[in-house]
N, C-alpha and C. Protein backbone atom coordinates (compact mmCIF):
# COMPACT_ATOMS: atom_id res chain seq x y z
N MET A 1 -63.66 58.93 -45.31
CA MET A 1 -64.91 59.66 -45.17
C MET A 1 -65.84 59.23 -46.29
N SER A 2 -67.06 58.95 -45.96
CA SER A 2 -68.02 58.52 -46.98
C SER A 2 -68.52 59.71 -47.78
N THR A 3 -68.99 59.42 -48.97
CA THR A 3 -69.52 60.51 -49.80
C THR A 3 -70.80 61.07 -49.22
N ALA A 4 -71.52 60.31 -48.41
CA ALA A 4 -72.74 60.81 -47.79
C ALA A 4 -72.45 61.89 -46.77
N ALA A 5 -71.25 61.88 -46.19
CA ALA A 5 -70.89 62.87 -45.17
C ALA A 5 -70.53 64.22 -45.77
N VAL A 6 -70.24 64.23 -47.05
CA VAL A 6 -69.89 65.47 -47.73
C VAL A 6 -71.16 66.14 -48.21
N ALA A 7 -71.30 67.44 -47.94
CA ALA A 7 -72.50 68.17 -48.37
C ALA A 7 -72.57 68.21 -49.88
N ALA A 8 -73.73 67.95 -50.40
CA ALA A 8 -73.93 68.00 -51.85
C ALA A 8 -73.83 69.45 -52.31
N PRO A 9 -73.17 69.68 -53.43
CA PRO A 9 -73.09 71.05 -53.94
C PRO A 9 -74.46 71.54 -54.39
N ALA A 10 -74.63 72.83 -54.34
CA ALA A 10 -75.89 73.42 -54.82
C ALA A 10 -76.05 73.07 -56.30
N ARG A 11 -77.26 72.70 -56.67
CA ARG A 11 -77.52 72.32 -58.06
C ARG A 11 -77.43 73.53 -58.97
N THR A 12 -76.62 73.42 -60.00
CA THR A 12 -76.65 74.47 -61.00
C THR A 12 -77.85 74.18 -61.90
N GLY A 13 -78.20 75.14 -62.70
CA GLY A 13 -79.40 75.00 -63.52
C GLY A 13 -80.61 75.59 -62.84
N GLN A 14 -80.44 76.00 -61.56
CA GLN A 14 -81.54 76.61 -60.82
C GLN A 14 -81.14 78.01 -60.39
N VAL A 15 -82.14 78.87 -60.27
CA VAL A 15 -81.98 80.17 -59.63
C VAL A 15 -82.84 80.14 -58.38
N LEU A 16 -82.68 81.13 -57.53
CA LEU A 16 -83.42 81.13 -56.26
C LEU A 16 -84.93 80.99 -56.46
N ALA A 17 -85.49 81.63 -57.46
CA ALA A 17 -86.94 81.56 -57.68
C ALA A 17 -87.41 80.15 -58.01
N ASP A 18 -86.52 79.32 -58.55
CA ASP A 18 -86.90 77.94 -58.89
C ASP A 18 -87.15 77.09 -57.66
N LEU A 19 -86.74 77.57 -56.50
CA LEU A 19 -86.95 76.80 -55.27
C LEU A 19 -88.39 76.91 -54.77
N LEU A 20 -89.16 77.84 -55.32
CA LEU A 20 -90.58 77.96 -55.01
C LEU A 20 -91.35 76.94 -55.84
N PRO A 21 -92.50 76.46 -55.33
CA PRO A 21 -93.29 75.50 -56.12
C PRO A 21 -93.65 76.07 -57.50
N ALA A 22 -93.42 75.27 -58.51
CA ALA A 22 -93.59 75.73 -59.89
C ALA A 22 -95.06 75.83 -60.28
N SER A 23 -95.39 76.95 -60.92
CA SER A 23 -96.71 77.14 -61.51
C SER A 23 -96.67 78.39 -62.38
N ARG A 24 -97.63 78.50 -63.23
CA ARG A 24 -97.74 79.70 -64.07
C ARG A 24 -98.05 80.92 -63.20
N VAL A 25 -98.87 80.72 -62.16
CA VAL A 25 -99.20 81.82 -61.24
C VAL A 25 -97.93 82.31 -60.54
N ARG A 26 -97.05 81.37 -60.13
CA ARG A 26 -95.79 81.75 -59.50
C ARG A 26 -94.98 82.63 -60.44
N ASP A 27 -94.85 82.20 -61.69
CA ASP A 27 -94.04 82.96 -62.64
C ASP A 27 -94.60 84.34 -62.90
N ILE A 28 -95.92 84.45 -63.02
CA ILE A 28 -96.55 85.77 -63.23
C ILE A 28 -96.31 86.66 -62.01
N ALA A 29 -96.50 86.08 -60.83
CA ALA A 29 -96.28 86.85 -59.59
C ALA A 29 -94.83 87.30 -59.47
N LEU A 30 -93.89 86.45 -59.84
CA LEU A 30 -92.47 86.82 -59.78
C LEU A 30 -92.13 87.94 -60.76
N VAL A 31 -92.69 87.87 -61.96
CA VAL A 31 -92.44 88.90 -62.96
C VAL A 31 -93.03 90.24 -62.52
N VAL A 32 -94.27 90.22 -62.08
CA VAL A 32 -94.90 91.45 -61.61
C VAL A 32 -94.18 91.98 -60.37
N GLY A 33 -93.82 91.09 -59.47
CA GLY A 33 -93.09 91.49 -58.28
C GLY A 33 -91.72 92.06 -58.60
N GLY A 34 -91.03 91.48 -59.58
CA GLY A 34 -89.73 92.00 -60.00
C GLY A 34 -89.84 93.39 -60.60
N ALA A 35 -90.88 93.61 -61.40
CA ALA A 35 -91.10 94.94 -61.97
C ALA A 35 -91.42 95.94 -60.87
N ALA A 36 -92.28 95.53 -59.93
CA ALA A 36 -92.65 96.43 -58.83
C ALA A 36 -91.46 96.74 -57.93
N LEU A 37 -90.63 95.74 -57.64
CA LEU A 37 -89.44 95.97 -56.83
C LEU A 37 -88.52 96.99 -57.51
N THR A 38 -88.33 96.85 -58.80
CA THR A 38 -87.49 97.79 -59.54
C THR A 38 -88.09 99.19 -59.50
N GLY A 39 -89.41 99.29 -59.66
CA GLY A 39 -90.08 100.59 -59.58
C GLY A 39 -89.97 101.22 -58.21
N LEU A 40 -90.11 100.42 -57.17
CA LEU A 40 -89.95 100.94 -55.80
C LEU A 40 -88.51 101.39 -55.55
N ALA A 41 -87.56 100.58 -55.98
CA ALA A 41 -86.15 100.92 -55.77
C ALA A 41 -85.75 102.18 -56.54
N ALA A 42 -86.42 102.43 -57.66
CA ALA A 42 -86.13 103.64 -58.44
C ALA A 42 -86.52 104.90 -57.67
N GLN A 43 -87.41 104.76 -56.70
CA GLN A 43 -87.83 105.94 -55.92
C GLN A 43 -86.78 106.33 -54.89
N LEU A 44 -85.84 105.45 -54.61
CA LEU A 44 -84.68 105.81 -53.79
C LEU A 44 -83.74 106.56 -54.73
N SER A 45 -83.97 107.82 -54.89
CA SER A 45 -83.32 108.62 -55.92
C SER A 45 -82.65 109.85 -55.30
N VAL A 46 -81.37 109.99 -55.59
CA VAL A 46 -80.60 111.13 -55.08
C VAL A 46 -79.97 111.84 -56.28
N PRO A 47 -80.26 113.13 -56.47
CA PRO A 47 -79.67 113.85 -57.59
C PRO A 47 -78.14 113.90 -57.48
N VAL A 48 -77.49 113.87 -58.62
CA VAL A 48 -76.04 113.99 -58.69
C VAL A 48 -75.72 115.35 -59.31
N PRO A 49 -75.01 116.22 -58.59
CA PRO A 49 -74.68 117.53 -59.15
C PRO A 49 -73.94 117.40 -60.49
N GLY A 50 -74.44 118.13 -61.48
CA GLY A 50 -73.81 118.12 -62.80
C GLY A 50 -74.22 116.96 -63.68
N SER A 51 -75.15 116.14 -63.23
CA SER A 51 -75.59 114.98 -64.02
C SER A 51 -77.10 114.95 -64.11
N PRO A 52 -77.64 114.64 -65.28
CA PRO A 52 -79.09 114.48 -65.39
C PRO A 52 -79.57 113.11 -64.90
N VAL A 53 -78.63 112.27 -64.46
CA VAL A 53 -78.94 110.92 -64.01
C VAL A 53 -78.75 110.84 -62.50
N PRO A 54 -79.80 110.47 -61.75
CA PRO A 54 -79.66 110.37 -60.29
C PRO A 54 -79.09 109.01 -59.87
N VAL A 55 -78.61 108.95 -58.66
CA VAL A 55 -78.27 107.67 -58.04
C VAL A 55 -79.59 107.07 -57.56
N THR A 56 -79.84 105.82 -57.90
CA THR A 56 -81.07 105.16 -57.47
C THR A 56 -80.76 103.74 -57.01
N GLY A 57 -81.77 103.12 -56.44
CA GLY A 57 -81.67 101.70 -56.10
C GLY A 57 -82.11 100.82 -57.26
N GLN A 58 -82.49 101.45 -58.35
CA GLN A 58 -83.05 100.77 -59.52
C GLN A 58 -82.09 99.74 -60.13
N THR A 59 -80.84 100.11 -60.31
CA THR A 59 -79.90 99.17 -60.95
C THR A 59 -79.66 97.96 -60.05
N PHE A 60 -79.55 98.19 -58.75
CA PHE A 60 -79.37 97.08 -57.81
C PHE A 60 -80.56 96.13 -57.88
N ALA A 61 -81.76 96.70 -57.88
CA ALA A 61 -82.97 95.87 -57.96
C ALA A 61 -83.01 95.10 -59.27
N ALA A 62 -82.69 95.75 -60.37
CA ALA A 62 -82.72 95.08 -61.68
C ALA A 62 -81.74 93.91 -61.72
N LEU A 63 -80.55 94.09 -61.15
CA LEU A 63 -79.57 93.00 -61.14
C LEU A 63 -80.03 91.87 -60.21
N LEU A 64 -80.62 92.23 -59.08
CA LEU A 64 -81.15 91.19 -58.18
C LEU A 64 -82.31 90.44 -58.83
N VAL A 65 -83.17 91.16 -59.52
CA VAL A 65 -84.30 90.52 -60.20
C VAL A 65 -83.78 89.52 -61.23
N GLY A 66 -82.83 89.94 -62.04
CA GLY A 66 -82.28 89.02 -63.04
C GLY A 66 -81.61 87.81 -62.41
N THR A 67 -80.86 88.05 -61.35
CA THR A 67 -80.12 86.96 -60.71
C THR A 67 -81.05 85.98 -60.00
N THR A 68 -82.04 86.49 -59.30
CA THR A 68 -82.91 85.59 -58.52
C THR A 68 -84.00 84.95 -59.37
N LEU A 69 -84.45 85.62 -60.42
CA LEU A 69 -85.53 85.07 -61.24
C LEU A 69 -85.03 84.27 -62.43
N GLY A 70 -83.79 84.50 -62.85
CA GLY A 70 -83.28 83.87 -64.06
C GLY A 70 -83.51 84.76 -65.26
N ALA A 71 -82.89 84.41 -66.36
CA ALA A 71 -82.89 85.28 -67.54
C ALA A 71 -84.29 85.55 -68.08
N SER A 72 -85.09 84.52 -68.31
CA SER A 72 -86.38 84.76 -68.99
C SER A 72 -87.34 85.54 -68.10
N ARG A 73 -87.48 85.16 -66.84
CA ARG A 73 -88.38 85.90 -65.96
C ARG A 73 -87.81 87.29 -65.65
N GLY A 74 -86.48 87.39 -65.53
CA GLY A 74 -85.85 88.69 -65.28
C GLY A 74 -86.09 89.66 -66.42
N VAL A 75 -85.92 89.18 -67.65
CA VAL A 75 -86.18 90.03 -68.81
C VAL A 75 -87.66 90.41 -68.86
N ALA A 76 -88.53 89.46 -68.58
CA ALA A 76 -89.97 89.76 -68.59
C ALA A 76 -90.30 90.83 -67.54
N ALA A 77 -89.71 90.73 -66.35
CA ALA A 77 -89.96 91.72 -65.30
C ALA A 77 -89.45 93.10 -65.71
N LEU A 78 -88.25 93.17 -66.28
CA LEU A 78 -87.70 94.47 -66.67
C LEU A 78 -88.41 95.03 -67.90
N ALA A 79 -88.88 94.15 -68.79
CA ALA A 79 -89.67 94.61 -69.94
C ALA A 79 -91.00 95.19 -69.45
N LEU A 80 -91.63 94.52 -68.49
CA LEU A 80 -92.87 95.03 -67.92
C LEU A 80 -92.62 96.39 -67.27
N TYR A 81 -91.54 96.50 -66.51
CA TYR A 81 -91.18 97.76 -65.86
C TYR A 81 -91.00 98.87 -66.90
N ALA A 82 -90.25 98.59 -67.97
CA ALA A 82 -89.99 99.60 -69.00
C ALA A 82 -91.27 99.98 -69.74
N LEU A 83 -92.04 98.99 -70.16
CA LEU A 83 -93.26 99.28 -70.93
C LEU A 83 -94.30 100.03 -70.10
N ALA A 84 -94.45 99.62 -68.84
CA ALA A 84 -95.42 100.32 -67.98
C ALA A 84 -94.97 101.75 -67.73
N GLY A 85 -93.67 101.96 -67.54
CA GLY A 85 -93.16 103.32 -67.36
C GLY A 85 -93.34 104.17 -68.60
N LEU A 86 -93.15 103.58 -69.77
CA LEU A 86 -93.38 104.31 -71.02
C LEU A 86 -94.87 104.63 -71.20
N ALA A 87 -95.74 103.74 -70.69
CA ALA A 87 -97.18 103.94 -70.82
C ALA A 87 -97.74 104.93 -69.80
N GLY A 88 -96.90 105.37 -68.84
CA GLY A 88 -97.37 106.39 -67.91
C GLY A 88 -97.31 106.04 -66.43
N VAL A 89 -96.96 104.81 -66.08
CA VAL A 89 -96.82 104.47 -64.67
C VAL A 89 -95.62 105.25 -64.12
N PRO A 90 -95.81 106.06 -63.08
CA PRO A 90 -94.73 106.92 -62.59
C PRO A 90 -93.77 106.18 -61.66
N TRP A 91 -93.06 105.19 -62.20
CA TRP A 91 -92.16 104.42 -61.34
C TRP A 91 -90.73 104.40 -61.83
N PHE A 92 -90.40 105.27 -62.78
CA PHE A 92 -88.99 105.49 -63.08
C PHE A 92 -88.42 106.40 -61.98
N ALA A 93 -87.14 106.67 -62.01
CA ALA A 93 -86.49 107.47 -60.96
C ALA A 93 -87.26 108.75 -60.69
N GLY A 94 -87.48 109.02 -59.40
CA GLY A 94 -88.16 110.25 -59.00
C GLY A 94 -89.61 110.31 -59.42
N ALA A 95 -90.28 109.17 -59.50
CA ALA A 95 -91.70 109.08 -59.90
C ALA A 95 -91.94 109.63 -61.30
N SER A 96 -90.97 109.48 -62.17
CA SER A 96 -91.13 109.93 -63.55
C SER A 96 -91.62 108.77 -64.42
N HIS A 97 -91.91 109.08 -65.67
CA HIS A 97 -92.33 108.07 -66.65
C HIS A 97 -91.99 108.60 -68.02
N GLY A 98 -92.12 107.75 -69.02
CA GLY A 98 -91.85 108.15 -70.39
C GLY A 98 -90.37 108.17 -70.71
N LEU A 99 -90.08 108.63 -71.92
CA LEU A 99 -88.68 108.70 -72.36
C LEU A 99 -87.96 109.86 -71.67
N SER A 100 -86.73 109.62 -71.31
CA SER A 100 -85.88 110.66 -70.73
C SER A 100 -84.45 110.39 -71.18
N VAL A 101 -83.54 111.26 -70.80
CA VAL A 101 -82.14 111.07 -71.18
C VAL A 101 -81.54 109.85 -70.50
N SER A 102 -82.18 109.37 -69.44
CA SER A 102 -81.65 108.20 -68.73
C SER A 102 -82.35 106.90 -69.11
N PHE A 103 -83.21 106.91 -70.12
CA PHE A 103 -83.93 105.69 -70.50
C PHE A 103 -82.98 104.61 -71.01
N GLY A 104 -81.85 104.98 -71.53
CA GLY A 104 -80.87 103.98 -71.99
C GLY A 104 -80.41 103.06 -70.87
N TYR A 105 -80.36 103.59 -69.64
CA TYR A 105 -80.00 102.74 -68.51
C TYR A 105 -81.05 101.67 -68.27
N ILE A 106 -82.31 102.01 -68.49
CA ILE A 106 -83.39 101.03 -68.32
C ILE A 106 -83.26 99.94 -69.38
N LEU A 107 -82.95 100.34 -70.61
CA LEU A 107 -82.70 99.34 -71.66
C LEU A 107 -81.51 98.46 -71.29
N GLY A 108 -80.47 99.09 -70.75
CA GLY A 108 -79.31 98.33 -70.30
C GLY A 108 -79.66 97.35 -69.18
N MET A 109 -80.54 97.76 -68.28
CA MET A 109 -80.96 96.88 -67.19
C MET A 109 -81.68 95.65 -67.74
N LEU A 110 -82.45 95.85 -68.79
CA LEU A 110 -83.15 94.73 -69.41
C LEU A 110 -82.14 93.71 -69.93
N LEU A 111 -81.13 94.17 -70.65
CA LEU A 111 -80.10 93.26 -71.16
C LEU A 111 -79.26 92.67 -70.04
N ALA A 112 -78.96 93.48 -69.04
CA ALA A 112 -78.15 93.00 -67.92
C ALA A 112 -78.89 91.91 -67.15
N SER A 113 -80.21 92.04 -67.00
CA SER A 113 -80.97 91.02 -66.28
C SER A 113 -80.88 89.67 -67.00
N ALA A 114 -80.84 89.70 -68.33
CA ALA A 114 -80.67 88.46 -69.09
C ALA A 114 -79.31 87.84 -68.82
N ALA A 115 -78.27 88.67 -68.83
CA ALA A 115 -76.91 88.15 -68.63
C ALA A 115 -76.71 87.61 -67.22
N VAL A 116 -77.11 88.38 -66.21
CA VAL A 116 -76.89 87.92 -64.83
C VAL A 116 -77.80 86.73 -64.52
N GLY A 117 -78.98 86.70 -65.11
CA GLY A 117 -79.87 85.55 -64.91
C GLY A 117 -79.29 84.28 -65.50
N ALA A 118 -78.70 84.39 -66.69
CA ALA A 118 -78.07 83.22 -67.32
C ALA A 118 -76.87 82.76 -66.49
N LEU A 119 -76.09 83.70 -65.99
CA LEU A 119 -74.94 83.33 -65.16
C LEU A 119 -75.39 82.71 -63.84
N ALA A 120 -76.45 83.24 -63.24
CA ALA A 120 -76.95 82.68 -61.99
C ALA A 120 -77.41 81.23 -62.19
N ARG A 121 -78.01 80.96 -63.33
CA ARG A 121 -78.45 79.59 -63.62
C ARG A 121 -77.26 78.64 -63.71
N ARG A 122 -76.07 79.19 -63.94
CA ARG A 122 -74.85 78.39 -63.98
C ARG A 122 -74.10 78.43 -62.64
N GLY A 123 -74.75 78.97 -61.61
CA GLY A 123 -74.17 78.97 -60.28
C GLY A 123 -73.35 80.19 -59.92
N ALA A 124 -73.43 81.26 -60.70
CA ALA A 124 -72.60 82.44 -60.46
C ALA A 124 -73.03 83.28 -59.27
N ASP A 125 -74.12 82.91 -58.63
CA ASP A 125 -74.58 83.65 -57.45
C ASP A 125 -74.37 82.84 -56.17
N ARG A 126 -73.55 81.81 -56.24
CA ARG A 126 -73.39 80.90 -55.09
C ARG A 126 -72.16 81.21 -54.24
N SER A 127 -71.22 81.99 -54.76
CA SER A 127 -70.04 82.36 -53.97
C SER A 127 -69.86 83.88 -54.06
N MET A 128 -69.14 84.42 -53.09
CA MET A 128 -68.95 85.87 -53.05
C MET A 128 -68.19 86.36 -54.28
N LEU A 129 -67.12 85.69 -54.64
CA LEU A 129 -66.30 86.14 -55.76
C LEU A 129 -67.06 86.07 -57.09
N ARG A 130 -67.76 84.99 -57.32
CA ARG A 130 -68.51 84.85 -58.57
C ARG A 130 -69.68 85.83 -58.61
N THR A 131 -70.31 86.07 -57.46
CA THR A 131 -71.38 87.06 -57.42
C THR A 131 -70.84 88.44 -57.75
N ALA A 132 -69.67 88.78 -57.22
CA ALA A 132 -69.06 90.08 -57.53
C ALA A 132 -68.83 90.22 -59.03
N GLY A 133 -68.28 89.19 -59.65
CA GLY A 133 -68.07 89.23 -61.09
C GLY A 133 -69.36 89.38 -61.87
N THR A 134 -70.40 88.69 -61.41
CA THR A 134 -71.72 88.78 -62.07
C THR A 134 -72.27 90.20 -61.99
N MET A 135 -72.17 90.81 -60.80
CA MET A 135 -72.68 92.17 -60.62
C MET A 135 -71.86 93.18 -61.43
N VAL A 136 -70.55 93.00 -61.50
CA VAL A 136 -69.71 93.90 -62.30
C VAL A 136 -70.09 93.79 -63.77
N LEU A 137 -70.27 92.57 -64.26
CA LEU A 137 -70.67 92.39 -65.66
C LEU A 137 -72.02 93.03 -65.92
N GLY A 138 -72.98 92.82 -65.02
CA GLY A 138 -74.31 93.43 -65.19
C GLY A 138 -74.24 94.94 -65.22
N SER A 139 -73.46 95.52 -64.32
CA SER A 139 -73.29 96.98 -64.30
C SER A 139 -72.64 97.47 -65.59
N ALA A 140 -71.64 96.73 -66.07
CA ALA A 140 -70.97 97.13 -67.31
C ALA A 140 -71.94 97.14 -68.49
N ILE A 141 -72.84 96.18 -68.54
CA ILE A 141 -73.84 96.14 -69.61
C ILE A 141 -74.77 97.34 -69.51
N ILE A 142 -75.19 97.66 -68.30
CA ILE A 142 -76.07 98.82 -68.10
C ILE A 142 -75.39 100.09 -68.61
N TYR A 143 -74.13 100.29 -68.25
CA TYR A 143 -73.40 101.48 -68.70
C TYR A 143 -73.12 101.45 -70.20
N ALA A 144 -72.88 100.28 -70.75
CA ALA A 144 -72.60 100.17 -72.19
C ALA A 144 -73.78 100.64 -73.04
N ILE A 145 -74.98 100.53 -72.52
CA ILE A 145 -76.17 101.02 -73.22
C ILE A 145 -76.52 102.43 -72.73
N GLY A 146 -76.49 102.63 -71.42
CA GLY A 146 -76.95 103.89 -70.83
C GLY A 146 -76.10 105.10 -71.17
N VAL A 147 -74.79 104.96 -71.15
CA VAL A 147 -73.92 106.12 -71.39
C VAL A 147 -74.01 106.62 -72.83
N PRO A 148 -73.91 105.75 -73.84
CA PRO A 148 -74.09 106.27 -75.22
C PRO A 148 -75.47 106.86 -75.46
N TYR A 149 -76.51 106.24 -74.88
CA TYR A 149 -77.86 106.78 -75.00
C TYR A 149 -77.92 108.18 -74.38
N LEU A 150 -77.31 108.34 -73.21
CA LEU A 150 -77.26 109.65 -72.55
C LEU A 150 -76.58 110.67 -73.45
N ALA A 151 -75.47 110.27 -74.05
CA ALA A 151 -74.74 111.19 -74.93
C ALA A 151 -75.62 111.66 -76.08
N LEU A 152 -76.34 110.72 -76.70
CA LEU A 152 -77.21 111.08 -77.82
C LEU A 152 -78.42 111.90 -77.37
N ALA A 153 -79.09 111.43 -76.32
CA ALA A 153 -80.33 112.08 -75.87
C ALA A 153 -80.09 113.46 -75.27
N ALA A 154 -78.95 113.64 -74.61
CA ALA A 154 -78.66 114.93 -73.97
C ALA A 154 -77.73 115.79 -74.82
N ASP A 155 -77.43 115.34 -76.03
CA ASP A 155 -76.54 116.06 -76.95
C ASP A 155 -75.19 116.39 -76.26
N MET A 156 -74.58 115.35 -75.69
CA MET A 156 -73.29 115.49 -75.02
C MET A 156 -72.24 114.73 -75.82
N SER A 157 -71.00 115.08 -75.60
CA SER A 157 -69.92 114.26 -76.14
C SER A 157 -69.88 112.97 -75.33
N LEU A 158 -69.25 111.94 -75.87
CA LEU A 158 -69.15 110.69 -75.14
C LEU A 158 -68.36 110.86 -73.86
N SER A 159 -67.30 111.67 -73.89
CA SER A 159 -66.51 111.88 -72.67
C SER A 159 -67.33 112.64 -71.61
N ALA A 160 -68.16 113.58 -72.04
CA ALA A 160 -69.03 114.29 -71.09
C ALA A 160 -70.08 113.33 -70.51
N ALA A 161 -70.59 112.43 -71.34
CA ALA A 161 -71.57 111.44 -70.86
C ALA A 161 -70.93 110.47 -69.87
N VAL A 162 -69.68 110.09 -70.11
CA VAL A 162 -68.96 109.23 -69.15
C VAL A 162 -68.78 109.97 -67.83
N ALA A 163 -68.41 111.24 -67.91
CA ALA A 163 -68.21 112.04 -66.69
C ALA A 163 -69.50 112.25 -65.92
N ALA A 164 -70.62 112.38 -66.63
CA ALA A 164 -71.91 112.64 -65.98
C ALA A 164 -72.70 111.38 -65.67
N GLY A 165 -72.50 110.33 -66.47
CA GLY A 165 -73.35 109.15 -66.36
C GLY A 165 -72.67 107.86 -65.99
N LEU A 166 -71.37 107.92 -65.68
CA LEU A 166 -70.66 106.71 -65.27
C LEU A 166 -69.79 106.95 -64.04
N THR A 167 -68.88 107.87 -64.16
CA THR A 167 -67.89 108.10 -63.10
C THR A 167 -68.51 108.36 -61.72
N PRO A 168 -69.56 109.20 -61.60
CA PRO A 168 -70.10 109.46 -60.26
C PRO A 168 -70.76 108.25 -59.59
N PHE A 169 -70.99 107.19 -60.35
CA PHE A 169 -71.76 106.05 -59.86
C PHE A 169 -70.91 104.85 -59.49
N LEU A 170 -69.62 104.90 -59.74
CA LEU A 170 -68.77 103.73 -59.54
C LEU A 170 -68.66 103.30 -58.08
N ILE A 171 -68.55 104.25 -57.17
CA ILE A 171 -68.45 103.88 -55.75
C ILE A 171 -69.76 103.24 -55.28
N GLY A 172 -70.88 103.82 -55.68
CA GLY A 172 -72.18 103.23 -55.32
C GLY A 172 -72.35 101.84 -55.90
N ASP A 173 -71.88 101.63 -57.13
CA ASP A 173 -71.98 100.31 -57.73
C ASP A 173 -71.11 99.30 -57.00
N ALA A 174 -69.96 99.74 -56.52
CA ALA A 174 -69.10 98.84 -55.73
C ALA A 174 -69.81 98.44 -54.43
N LEU A 175 -70.51 99.39 -53.81
CA LEU A 175 -71.25 99.08 -52.58
C LEU A 175 -72.41 98.13 -52.87
N LYS A 176 -73.10 98.35 -53.99
CA LYS A 176 -74.20 97.47 -54.37
C LYS A 176 -73.69 96.05 -54.64
N ALA A 177 -72.53 95.95 -55.31
CA ALA A 177 -71.94 94.63 -55.58
C ALA A 177 -71.57 93.95 -54.27
N ALA A 178 -71.02 94.71 -53.32
CA ALA A 178 -70.66 94.14 -52.02
C ALA A 178 -71.89 93.63 -51.29
N LEU A 179 -72.98 94.37 -51.37
CA LEU A 179 -74.23 93.94 -50.74
C LEU A 179 -74.73 92.64 -51.37
N ALA A 180 -74.70 92.58 -52.69
CA ALA A 180 -75.12 91.37 -53.40
C ALA A 180 -74.19 90.20 -53.06
N MET A 181 -72.90 90.48 -52.90
CA MET A 181 -71.93 89.43 -52.56
C MET A 181 -72.28 88.77 -51.23
N GLY A 182 -72.82 89.54 -50.31
CA GLY A 182 -73.23 88.96 -49.04
C GLY A 182 -74.61 88.34 -49.09
N LEU A 183 -75.50 88.97 -49.82
CA LEU A 183 -76.91 88.56 -49.84
C LEU A 183 -77.16 87.25 -50.58
N LEU A 184 -76.71 87.16 -51.81
CA LEU A 184 -77.06 86.01 -52.65
C LEU A 184 -76.42 84.70 -52.18
N PRO A 185 -75.09 84.65 -51.95
CA PRO A 185 -74.53 83.39 -51.46
C PRO A 185 -75.10 82.98 -50.09
N THR A 186 -75.39 83.96 -49.25
CA THR A 186 -75.99 83.65 -47.94
C THR A 186 -77.37 83.04 -48.12
N ALA A 187 -78.15 83.56 -49.03
CA ALA A 187 -79.49 83.00 -49.29
C ALA A 187 -79.37 81.54 -49.72
N TRP A 188 -78.43 81.24 -50.60
CA TRP A 188 -78.25 79.85 -51.04
C TRP A 188 -77.83 78.97 -49.87
N LYS A 189 -76.91 79.45 -49.03
CA LYS A 189 -76.46 78.65 -47.89
C LYS A 189 -77.60 78.36 -46.93
N LEU A 190 -78.42 79.39 -46.67
CA LEU A 190 -79.56 79.19 -45.76
C LEU A 190 -80.57 78.20 -46.33
N LEU A 191 -80.79 78.29 -47.64
CA LEU A 191 -81.77 77.41 -48.27
C LEU A 191 -81.28 75.97 -48.42
N LYS A 192 -79.96 75.78 -48.39
CA LYS A 192 -79.39 74.42 -48.46
C LYS A 192 -79.60 73.67 -47.15
N LYS A 193 -79.75 74.40 -46.04
CA LYS A 193 -79.86 73.75 -44.72
C LYS A 193 -81.21 73.14 -44.49
């Protein structure tokens, strides 16, 4: 079999957003769009009994933004989202803004977008298994910042913050990872054709 008959592997060093024609306008639009997507997803908010932190689509959007835009644009999008929300744009969970007990999760999303974006640039969003690992790592970063922040901001013990700000969300995070496992590798396969 000739080497021409074998499909070329997807190029690492690229994220999905890099497949669009390059320009400064593209990058600005992607950053603003990533922030807006995260703000819209945050409005998908369901209260969790016994927790000051709701279930939202925000974390899923933040991880997708980081993965599809790459680390630098992903961080820029999440920084824009955080700063605009602090300045009064009502696009945090439940149309809120400003500092709250759950703001640590937003800070975690910013760091997670950098990590998943860097991994995506190395091809971690091209297969289901690697995408799952990327999403799990991103979620772990969000909780590593969000749960201690919740404990401090809400004057809770760390174990109470874990019970209120981590445990109720694990099943939803598994579903979000499964969705990403299907979505991202499929997007790459379609774009390769």
